[in-house]
Amino acid sequence: MPFTGPVEDRLAIRELYGTYADASWRGDRALWLTTFTEDGRWTSHLFDAAGHAALAETWDGLWKDWASVAFMAEIGSMEIAGDGAAVRSYAREVVQTKEGAIFKLCGRYEDALVREGGEWKFARRDYTLTIGEFPE
């Protein structure tokens, strides 16, 4: 998948990814939720959550044991067609638990985005873990 579509949309989508990463890093659930459509879906090897209520519940379940998160993302490809976009991105996460343990993740997102009210949002984020380093 190449980088295609209007430059203005590509910039707005990059800002969406920046907002997602910033909210994840700072533990800002309210801001993080704004990056998804109302019926947005987030899947991984651990969960499948659809809709803001389920996304918030999943966030709370993850953060109940976490003290801090470092979240870095890079967009690998972006294809925009009208009010929809397909984006592949990569994430590197380092999580410190409240007990002091640290685990590290590297993974890939296959994302479907839509433009709603002039703003790009995640309609679906499918995460695949590629490398995980967990405390023993």
N, C-alpha and C. Protein backbone atom coordinates (compact mmCIF):
# COMPACT_ATOMS: atom_id res chain seq x y z
N MET A 1 0.84 -1.18 0.00
CA MET A 1 0.00 0.00 0.00
C MET A 1 0.89 1.25 0.00
N PRO A 2 0.76 2.09 -0.95
CA PRO A 2 1.57 3.31 -1.00
C PRO A 2 0.95 4.42 -0.15
N PHE A 3 1.64 5.54 -0.10
CA PHE A 3 1.08 6.75 0.51
C PHE A 3 0.34 7.48 -0.59
N THR A 4 -0.99 7.46 -0.52
CA THR A 4 -1.79 8.12 -1.54
C THR A 4 -2.85 8.98 -0.87
N GLY A 5 -3.35 9.94 -1.65
CA GLY A 5 -4.41 10.81 -1.16
C GLY A 5 -3.91 12.22 -0.96
N PRO A 6 -4.84 13.14 -0.76
CA PRO A 6 -4.48 14.55 -0.60
C PRO A 6 -3.54 14.78 0.58
N VAL A 7 -2.57 15.64 0.38
CA VAL A 7 -1.59 15.95 1.42
C VAL A 7 -2.28 16.45 2.69
N GLU A 8 -3.34 17.24 2.54
CA GLU A 8 -4.06 17.77 3.70
C GLU A 8 -4.63 16.63 4.55
N ASP A 9 -5.18 15.61 3.89
CA ASP A 9 -5.71 14.46 4.62
C ASP A 9 -4.59 13.65 5.25
N ARG A 10 -3.48 13.50 4.56
CA ARG A 10 -2.36 12.75 5.12
C ARG A 10 -1.83 13.43 6.38
N LEU A 11 -1.77 14.75 6.35
CA LEU A 11 -1.34 15.50 7.54
C LEU A 11 -2.35 15.32 8.68
N ALA A 12 -3.64 15.45 8.38
CA ALA A 12 -4.66 15.29 9.41
C ALA A 12 -4.62 13.88 10.01
N ILE A 13 -4.38 12.88 9.20
CA ILE A 13 -4.29 11.51 9.70
C ILE A 13 -3.05 11.35 10.57
N ARG A 14 -1.94 11.93 10.17
CA ARG A 14 -0.74 11.87 11.01
C ARG A 14 -1.00 12.54 12.36
N GLU A 15 -1.78 13.61 12.36
CA GLU A 15 -2.11 14.27 13.62
C GLU A 15 -3.01 13.38 14.47
N LEU A 16 -3.90 12.61 13.85
CA LEU A 16 -4.71 11.65 14.59
C LEU A 16 -3.81 10.64 15.29
N TYR A 17 -2.83 10.11 14.59
CA TYR A 17 -1.89 9.16 15.19
C TYR A 17 -1.08 9.82 16.31
N GLY A 18 -0.72 11.07 16.13
CA GLY A 18 0.00 11.80 17.17
C GLY A 18 -0.87 11.98 18.41
N THR A 19 -2.13 12.30 18.21
CA THR A 19 -3.06 12.46 19.33
C THR A 19 -3.23 11.14 20.07
N TYR A 20 -3.40 10.05 19.33
CA TYR A 20 -3.55 8.72 19.93
C TYR A 20 -2.31 8.38 20.78
N ALA A 21 -1.12 8.61 20.21
CA ALA A 21 0.12 8.30 20.93
C ALA A 21 0.26 9.18 22.16
N ASP A 22 -0.04 10.46 22.04
CA ASP A 22 0.07 11.38 23.17
C ASP A 22 -0.89 10.97 24.29
N ALA A 23 -2.13 10.66 23.93
CA ALA A 23 -3.11 10.24 24.94
C ALA A 23 -2.69 8.93 25.59
N SER A 24 -2.17 8.00 24.79
CA SER A 24 -1.71 6.72 25.35
C SER A 24 -0.56 6.94 26.31
N TRP A 25 0.40 7.76 25.92
CA TRP A 25 1.59 8.01 26.74
C TRP A 25 1.19 8.65 28.07
N ARG A 26 0.25 9.59 28.02
CA ARG A 26 -0.13 10.34 29.23
C ARG A 26 -1.26 9.68 30.02
N GLY A 27 -1.81 8.58 29.51
CA GLY A 27 -2.89 7.91 30.21
C GLY A 27 -4.18 8.71 30.20
N ASP A 28 -4.42 9.45 29.11
CA ASP A 28 -5.60 10.31 28.99
C ASP A 28 -6.71 9.56 28.24
N ARG A 29 -7.51 8.83 28.99
CA ARG A 29 -8.57 8.02 28.39
C ARG A 29 -9.56 8.86 27.59
N ALA A 30 -9.97 10.02 28.12
CA ALA A 30 -10.97 10.86 27.45
C ALA A 30 -10.46 11.29 26.07
N LEU A 31 -9.23 11.75 25.99
CA LEU A 31 -8.67 12.16 24.70
C LEU A 31 -8.52 10.96 23.78
N TRP A 32 -8.03 9.84 24.31
CA TRP A 32 -7.84 8.63 23.53
C TRP A 32 -9.15 8.20 22.89
N LEU A 33 -10.25 8.24 23.64
CA LEU A 33 -11.55 7.84 23.10
C LEU A 33 -12.00 8.73 21.94
N THR A 34 -11.60 9.99 21.94
CA THR A 34 -12.01 10.90 20.85
C THR A 34 -11.38 10.51 19.52
N THR A 35 -10.37 9.65 19.54
CA THR A 35 -9.73 9.25 18.29
C THR A 35 -10.52 8.17 17.56
N PHE A 36 -11.52 7.58 18.23
CA PHE A 36 -12.36 6.53 17.65
C PHE A 36 -13.75 7.07 17.29
N THR A 37 -14.35 6.47 16.27
CA THR A 37 -15.76 6.72 16.00
C THR A 37 -16.57 6.15 17.17
N GLU A 38 -17.83 6.54 17.29
CA GLU A 38 -18.67 6.05 18.38
C GLU A 38 -18.75 4.53 18.40
N ASP A 39 -18.74 3.90 17.22
CA ASP A 39 -18.81 2.44 17.15
C ASP A 39 -17.45 1.83 16.80
N GLY A 40 -16.39 2.60 17.00
CA GLY A 40 -15.04 2.13 16.66
C GLY A 40 -14.69 0.83 17.35
N ARG A 41 -13.84 0.05 16.69
CA ARG A 41 -13.47 -1.27 17.19
C ARG A 41 -11.96 -1.37 17.30
N TRP A 42 -11.50 -2.00 18.39
CA TRP A 42 -10.07 -2.19 18.66
C TRP A 42 -9.88 -3.65 19.01
N THR A 43 -9.06 -4.35 18.21
CA THR A 43 -8.84 -5.77 18.46
C THR A 43 -7.36 -6.04 18.68
N SER A 44 -7.08 -7.09 19.45
CA SER A 44 -5.70 -7.53 19.66
C SER A 44 -5.72 -8.99 20.07
N HIS A 45 -4.56 -9.50 20.44
CA HIS A 45 -4.45 -10.87 20.93
C HIS A 45 -5.10 -11.02 22.31
N LEU A 46 -5.46 -9.91 22.95
CA LEU A 46 -6.03 -9.94 24.30
C LEU A 46 -7.50 -9.58 24.38
N PHE A 47 -8.02 -8.84 23.40
CA PHE A 47 -9.39 -8.33 23.51
C PHE A 47 -9.97 -7.98 22.15
N ASP A 48 -11.27 -7.76 22.15
CA ASP A 48 -12.01 -7.28 20.98
C ASP A 48 -13.08 -6.35 21.54
N ALA A 49 -12.89 -5.06 21.39
CA ALA A 49 -13.80 -4.07 21.97
C ALA A 49 -14.38 -3.19 20.88
N ALA A 50 -15.70 -3.01 20.91
CA ALA A 50 -16.37 -2.17 19.91
C ALA A 50 -17.30 -1.20 20.62
N GLY A 51 -17.22 0.07 20.24
CA GLY A 51 -18.04 1.12 20.84
C GLY A 51 -17.31 1.78 22.00
N HIS A 52 -17.63 3.05 22.23
CA HIS A 52 -16.91 3.82 23.26
C HIS A 52 -17.00 3.19 24.65
N ALA A 53 -18.15 2.62 25.02
CA ALA A 53 -18.28 2.02 26.35
C ALA A 53 -17.32 0.83 26.49
N ALA A 54 -17.26 -0.04 25.49
CA ALA A 54 -16.37 -1.20 25.55
C ALA A 54 -14.90 -0.77 25.45
N LEU A 55 -14.63 0.25 24.64
CA LEU A 55 -13.25 0.75 24.55
C LEU A 55 -12.80 1.30 25.89
N ALA A 56 -13.67 2.08 26.55
CA ALA A 56 -13.33 2.65 27.86
C ALA A 56 -13.12 1.55 28.89
N GLU A 57 -13.97 0.52 28.86
CA GLU A 57 -13.83 -0.61 29.78
C GLU A 57 -12.51 -1.34 29.55
N THR A 58 -12.14 -1.51 28.28
CA THR A 58 -10.87 -2.18 27.95
C THR A 58 -9.70 -1.33 28.43
N TRP A 59 -9.75 -0.03 28.17
CA TRP A 59 -8.70 0.89 28.64
C TRP A 59 -8.55 0.78 30.16
N ASP A 60 -9.68 0.85 30.87
CA ASP A 60 -9.63 0.78 32.33
C ASP A 60 -9.05 -0.55 32.81
N GLY A 61 -9.40 -1.63 32.13
CA GLY A 61 -8.86 -2.94 32.49
C GLY A 61 -7.36 -3.01 32.32
N LEU A 62 -6.85 -2.40 31.26
CA LEU A 62 -5.41 -2.38 31.04
C LEU A 62 -4.71 -1.48 32.07
N TRP A 63 -5.24 -0.28 32.25
CA TRP A 63 -4.59 0.71 33.10
C TRP A 63 -4.73 0.42 34.59
N LYS A 64 -5.58 -0.51 34.98
CA LYS A 64 -5.73 -0.79 36.42
C LYS A 64 -4.41 -1.27 37.04
N ASP A 65 -3.57 -1.92 36.24
CA ASP A 65 -2.29 -2.43 36.73
C ASP A 65 -1.09 -1.62 36.25
N TRP A 66 -1.31 -0.63 35.42
CA TRP A 66 -0.21 0.11 34.82
C TRP A 66 0.07 1.42 35.57
N ALA A 67 1.35 1.74 35.70
CA ALA A 67 1.75 3.02 36.29
C ALA A 67 2.07 4.03 35.19
N SER A 68 2.74 3.56 34.13
CA SER A 68 3.08 4.45 33.03
C SER A 68 3.31 3.66 31.75
N VAL A 69 3.18 4.39 30.63
CA VAL A 69 3.32 3.78 29.31
C VAL A 69 4.13 4.71 28.43
N ALA A 70 5.07 4.14 27.71
CA ALA A 70 5.75 4.86 26.63
C ALA A 70 5.18 4.27 25.34
N PHE A 71 4.64 5.13 24.48
CA PHE A 71 4.00 4.66 23.26
C PHE A 71 4.54 5.45 22.08
N MET A 72 5.17 4.75 21.15
CA MET A 72 5.70 5.39 19.95
C MET A 72 5.13 4.69 18.74
N ALA A 73 4.75 5.45 17.73
CA ALA A 73 4.14 4.86 16.54
C ALA A 73 4.76 5.45 15.27
N GLU A 74 4.72 4.65 14.24
CA GLU A 74 5.19 5.08 12.92
C GLU A 74 4.22 4.56 11.87
N ILE A 75 3.85 5.41 10.95
CA ILE A 75 2.95 5.01 9.88
C ILE A 75 3.79 4.40 8.76
N GLY A 76 3.40 3.21 8.33
CA GLY A 76 4.11 2.51 7.27
C GLY A 76 3.50 2.72 5.90
N SER A 77 2.17 2.88 5.86
CA SER A 77 1.50 3.14 4.58
C SER A 77 0.15 3.76 4.86
N MET A 78 -0.35 4.48 3.85
CA MET A 78 -1.61 5.19 3.99
C MET A 78 -2.24 5.31 2.60
N GLU A 79 -3.47 4.85 2.47
CA GLU A 79 -4.18 4.96 1.21
C GLU A 79 -5.54 5.59 1.49
N ILE A 80 -5.74 6.78 0.97
CA ILE A 80 -6.96 7.55 1.23
C ILE A 80 -7.84 7.51 -0.01
N ALA A 81 -9.13 7.24 0.22
CA ALA A 81 -10.11 7.24 -0.87
C ALA A 81 -11.36 7.94 -0.35
N GLY A 82 -11.52 9.19 -0.72
CA GLY A 82 -12.68 9.96 -0.27
C GLY A 82 -12.66 10.15 1.23
N ASP A 83 -13.72 9.67 1.90
CA ASP A 83 -13.84 9.81 3.35
C ASP A 83 -13.40 8.56 4.10
N GLY A 84 -12.64 7.71 3.46
CA GLY A 84 -12.11 6.51 4.10
C GLY A 84 -10.63 6.38 3.86
N ALA A 85 -9.96 5.67 4.74
CA ALA A 85 -8.53 5.45 4.57
C ALA A 85 -8.15 4.11 5.19
N ALA A 86 -7.16 3.47 4.57
CA ALA A 86 -6.55 2.26 5.11
C ALA A 86 -5.11 2.62 5.46
N VAL A 87 -4.72 2.35 6.70
CA VAL A 87 -3.40 2.73 7.18
C VAL A 87 -2.78 1.54 7.91
N ARG A 88 -1.50 1.34 7.64
CA ARG A 88 -0.73 0.35 8.39
C ARG A 88 0.26 1.15 9.24
N SER A 89 0.33 0.80 10.51
CA SER A 89 1.27 1.49 11.39
C SER A 89 1.93 0.49 12.33
N TYR A 90 3.01 0.95 12.93
CA TYR A 90 3.79 0.12 13.83
C TYR A 90 3.89 0.82 15.18
N ALA A 91 3.83 0.04 16.24
CA ALA A 91 3.88 0.62 17.58
C ALA A 91 4.94 -0.07 18.42
N ARG A 92 5.60 0.73 19.23
CA ARG A 92 6.57 0.24 20.22
C ARG A 92 6.07 0.75 21.56
N GLU A 93 5.82 -0.17 22.48
CA GLU A 93 5.31 0.20 23.78
C GLU A 93 6.18 -0.39 24.88
N VAL A 94 6.40 0.41 25.90
CA VAL A 94 7.06 -0.04 27.11
C VAL A 94 6.12 0.33 28.25
N VAL A 95 5.74 -0.67 29.02
CA VAL A 95 4.77 -0.46 30.08
C VAL A 95 5.41 -0.79 31.42
N GLN A 96 5.22 0.11 32.39
CA GLN A 96 5.65 -0.16 33.75
C GLN A 96 4.40 -0.38 34.58
N THR A 97 4.35 -1.50 35.27
CA THR A 97 3.18 -1.81 36.10
C THR A 97 3.31 -1.08 37.45
N LYS A 98 2.22 -1.05 38.16
CA LYS A 98 2.22 -0.42 39.49
C LYS A 98 3.13 -1.17 40.45
N GLU A 99 3.41 -2.44 40.17
CA GLU A 99 4.32 -3.23 41.00
C GLU A 99 5.78 -3.06 40.59
N GLY A 100 6.03 -2.28 39.52
CA GLY A 100 7.39 -2.00 39.09
C GLY A 100 7.92 -2.89 37.98
N ALA A 101 7.15 -3.88 37.55
CA ALA A 101 7.59 -4.72 36.44
C ALA A 101 7.50 -3.93 35.14
N ILE A 102 8.32 -4.31 34.19
CA ILE A 102 8.32 -3.65 32.87
C ILE A 102 8.14 -4.72 31.80
N PHE A 103 7.24 -4.44 30.86
CA PHE A 103 7.14 -5.30 29.69
C PHE A 103 7.15 -4.43 28.44
N LYS A 104 7.60 -5.05 27.35
CA LYS A 104 7.80 -4.32 26.09
C LYS A 104 7.08 -5.04 24.97
N LEU A 105 6.47 -4.26 24.10
CA LEU A 105 5.72 -4.79 22.97
C LEU A 105 6.12 -4.08 21.69
N CYS A 106 6.16 -4.83 20.61
CA CYS A 106 6.27 -4.27 19.26
C CYS A 106 5.14 -4.92 18.46
N GLY A 107 4.43 -4.11 17.72
CA GLY A 107 3.32 -4.68 16.97
C GLY A 107 2.94 -3.84 15.78
N ARG A 108 2.00 -4.40 15.02
CA ARG A 108 1.51 -3.76 13.80
C ARG A 108 0.01 -3.53 13.92
N TYR A 109 -0.43 -2.36 13.46
CA TYR A 109 -1.85 -2.06 13.36
C TYR A 109 -2.26 -2.02 11.90
N GLU A 110 -3.36 -2.65 11.59
CA GLU A 110 -4.04 -2.49 10.30
C GLU A 110 -5.30 -1.70 10.63
N ASP A 111 -5.37 -0.47 10.15
CA ASP A 111 -6.42 0.45 10.57
C ASP A 111 -7.35 0.85 9.42
N ALA A 112 -8.62 1.01 9.76
CA ALA A 112 -9.61 1.59 8.86
C ALA A 112 -10.05 2.90 9.49
N LEU A 113 -9.92 3.98 8.74
CA LEU A 113 -10.28 5.31 9.23
C LEU A 113 -11.42 5.87 8.41
N VAL A 114 -12.20 6.75 9.03
CA VAL A 114 -13.25 7.47 8.34
C VAL A 114 -13.19 8.94 8.74
N ARG A 115 -13.67 9.76 7.82
CA ARG A 115 -13.76 11.19 8.12
C ARG A 115 -15.19 11.45 8.59
N GLU A 116 -15.31 11.98 9.80
CA GLU A 116 -16.61 12.32 10.37
C GLU A 116 -16.59 13.79 10.78
N GLY A 117 -17.53 14.55 10.25
CA GLY A 117 -17.58 15.97 10.61
C GLY A 117 -16.29 16.69 10.34
N GLY A 118 -15.60 16.29 9.29
CA GLY A 118 -14.35 16.93 8.91
C GLY A 118 -13.12 16.41 9.65
N GLU A 119 -13.29 15.47 10.59
CA GLU A 119 -12.17 14.93 11.35
C GLU A 119 -11.98 13.45 11.06
N TRP A 120 -10.71 13.04 10.96
CA TRP A 120 -10.40 11.63 10.77
C TRP A 120 -10.45 10.91 12.11
N LYS A 121 -11.05 9.71 12.09
CA LYS A 121 -11.16 8.89 13.31
C LYS A 121 -10.91 7.44 12.96
N PHE A 122 -10.56 6.67 13.97
CA PHE A 122 -10.40 5.23 13.80
C PHE A 122 -11.77 4.57 13.81
N ALA A 123 -12.09 3.87 12.73
CA ALA A 123 -13.29 3.03 12.71
C ALA A 123 -12.92 1.64 13.22
N ARG A 124 -11.68 1.25 12.95
CA ARG A 124 -11.22 -0.07 13.38
C ARG A 124 -9.70 -0.07 13.49
N ARG A 125 -9.19 -0.65 14.57
CA ARG A 125 -7.75 -0.85 14.76
C ARG A 125 -7.54 -2.32 15.09
N ASP A 126 -6.84 -3.02 14.22
CA ASP A 126 -6.53 -4.42 14.43
C ASP A 126 -5.04 -4.55 14.72
N TYR A 127 -4.73 -4.95 15.94
CA TYR A 127 -3.34 -5.02 16.40
C TYR A 127 -2.84 -6.46 16.37
N THR A 128 -1.63 -6.63 15.84
CA THR A 128 -0.96 -7.92 15.85
C THR A 128 0.37 -7.75 16.57
N LEU A 129 0.55 -8.49 17.64
CA LEU A 129 1.81 -8.48 18.37
C LEU A 129 2.86 -9.20 17.53
N THR A 130 4.01 -8.55 17.32
CA THR A 130 5.08 -9.20 16.57
C THR A 130 6.23 -9.60 17.49
N ILE A 131 6.49 -8.79 18.53
CA ILE A 131 7.52 -9.12 19.50
C ILE A 131 7.02 -8.69 20.87
N GLY A 132 7.13 -9.58 21.84
CA GLY A 132 6.75 -9.25 23.21
C GLY A 132 7.83 -9.68 24.16
N GLU A 133 8.18 -8.81 25.09
CA GLU A 133 9.15 -9.13 26.12
C GLU A 133 8.47 -8.90 27.46
N PHE A 134 8.28 -9.99 28.21
CA PHE A 134 7.50 -9.93 29.43
C PHE A 134 8.33 -10.38 30.62
N PRO A 135 8.08 -9.80 31.80
CA PRO A 135 8.83 -10.23 32.99
C PRO A 135 8.53 -11.68 33.33
N GLU A 136 9.51 -12.33 33.90
CA GLU A 136 9.34 -13.75 34.27
C GLU A 136 8.63 -13.89 35.58
